[in-house]
Protein backbone atom coordinates (compact mmCIF):
# COMPACT_ATOMS: atom_id res chain seq x y z
CA MET A 1 56.60 8.43 23.21
CA PHE A 2 55.86 4.68 23.43
CA LEU A 3 52.82 3.21 25.35
CA GLU A 4 53.13 -0.18 26.53
CA PRO A 5 50.07 -2.56 25.43
CA VAL A 6 47.67 -3.28 28.51
CA ILE A 7 46.74 -6.90 29.63
CA PRO A 8 42.95 -8.02 30.61
CA SER A 9 44.47 -7.88 34.56
CA THR A 10 45.18 -4.24 34.30
CA ILE A 11 42.04 -3.29 32.91
CA ILE A 12 40.39 -5.39 35.82
CA GLU A 13 42.29 -3.87 38.41
CA THR A 14 42.06 -0.19 36.68
CA THR A 15 38.54 -1.18 37.23
CA ARG A 16 38.35 -1.50 40.37
CA LYS A 17 39.75 1.47 41.09
CA LEU A 18 37.41 3.71 39.64
CA LYS A 19 35.14 5.35 41.87
CA SER A 20 31.66 3.86 41.59
CA LYS A 21 29.22 6.45 39.99
CA SER A 22 25.76 5.99 38.86
CA SER A 23 26.54 8.80 36.28
CA PHE A 24 27.12 7.81 32.87
CA GLY A 25 28.36 9.40 29.58
CA HIS A 26 26.37 9.06 25.99
CA ASP A 27 26.39 5.21 25.71
CA GLY A 28 24.53 4.76 29.17
CA ILE A 29 27.34 2.72 31.24
CA SER A 30 28.74 3.72 34.36
CA SER A 31 31.56 3.22 36.68
CA LYS A 32 29.25 1.58 38.87
CA MET A 33 27.91 -0.72 36.47
CA LEU A 34 30.75 -1.68 34.54
CA LYS A 35 32.94 -3.15 37.74
CA HIS A 36 29.64 -5.63 37.78
CA PHE A 37 30.70 -7.34 34.37
CA ILE A 38 34.38 -6.15 33.80
CA ASN A 39 35.50 -9.67 34.06
CA ILE A 40 32.73 -11.06 31.66
CA ILE A 41 34.37 -7.97 28.89
CA ALA A 42 37.84 -7.65 29.77
CA VAL A 43 39.65 -9.66 27.25
CA PRO A 44 37.58 -7.50 24.45
CA ILE A 45 38.24 -4.22 26.12
CA THR A 46 41.71 -5.31 26.22
CA HIS A 47 41.96 -5.80 22.72
CA ILE A 48 40.13 -2.47 21.69
CA MET A 49 42.39 -0.49 24.06
CA ASN A 50 46.13 -2.40 22.62
CA ARG A 51 44.58 -1.51 19.28
CA SER A 52 43.80 1.95 19.78
CA ILE A 53 47.51 1.94 21.34
CA ALA A 54 49.07 0.62 18.59
CA THR A 55 47.24 2.66 15.59
CA TRP A 56 47.24 5.72 17.92
CA LEU A 57 43.44 6.00 17.30
CA VAL A 58 40.95 6.70 19.31
CA ARG A 59 37.39 6.31 18.10
CA GLY A 60 35.07 9.19 17.81
CA LYS A 61 32.72 7.65 20.12
CA LEU A 62 35.01 7.37 22.76
CA LYS A 63 35.85 11.36 22.55
CA LEU A 64 32.48 12.37 23.06
CA ALA A 65 31.33 13.92 25.90
CA LYS A 66 27.56 14.32 27.33
CA VAL A 67 27.74 18.07 28.78
CA ILE A 68 25.09 18.94 31.14
CA PRO A 69 24.34 22.49 33.09
CA ILE A 70 24.96 22.80 36.77
CA PHE A 71 22.99 25.46 39.04
CA LYS A 72 26.19 27.20 40.70
CA LEU A 73 24.40 30.49 41.98
CA ALA A 74 21.89 32.29 43.02
CA ASP A 75 19.33 33.12 40.32
CA SER A 76 18.23 29.70 38.20
CA SER A 77 16.44 31.88 35.62
CA GLN A 78 19.87 33.01 34.56
CA ILE A 79 22.22 30.78 32.24
CA LYS A 80 25.35 32.84 33.56
CA ASN A 81 24.72 30.81 37.11
CA ASP A 82 25.26 27.27 35.70
CA ARG A 83 28.64 25.37 35.02
CA PRO A 84 28.80 22.66 32.30
CA ILE A 85 29.92 19.36 33.23
CA SER A 86 31.44 16.89 30.64
CA LEU A 87 30.48 13.54 31.60
CA LEU A 88 33.47 10.87 29.06
CA PRO A 89 32.39 7.41 28.54
CA VAL A 90 33.87 5.32 31.00
CA PHE A 91 36.19 3.34 28.36
CA SER A 92 37.55 6.73 27.75
CA LYS A 93 38.76 7.18 31.16
CA LEU A 94 40.04 3.71 31.21
CA LEU A 95 41.70 4.27 28.29
CA GLU A 96 43.11 7.52 29.77
CA LYS A 97 44.17 5.60 33.29
CA ASN A 98 46.36 3.09 31.88
CA ASN A 99 48.24 4.92 29.30
CA VAL A 100 49.04 8.09 31.32
């Protein structure tokens, strides 16, 4: 399997295509926030992603998810009525979308 390196314009384009959500992972950065400053950080983000592609390594913090319970059924006192939602860092989503 071979993954192509990415360029800053691709990172910017992919970021703009993300849904503008206010939810965020453990890093505290939402896709909505990232869209506001992606033009400023596109070059360093591109470098990080290309290093991940070249070395086949993804930093541990990009693999962490913030898991929150969401109520789904009638009795909210029962834990079985909650379903887990995993919120990944937005940079993990960028890495995934640029290499799928």
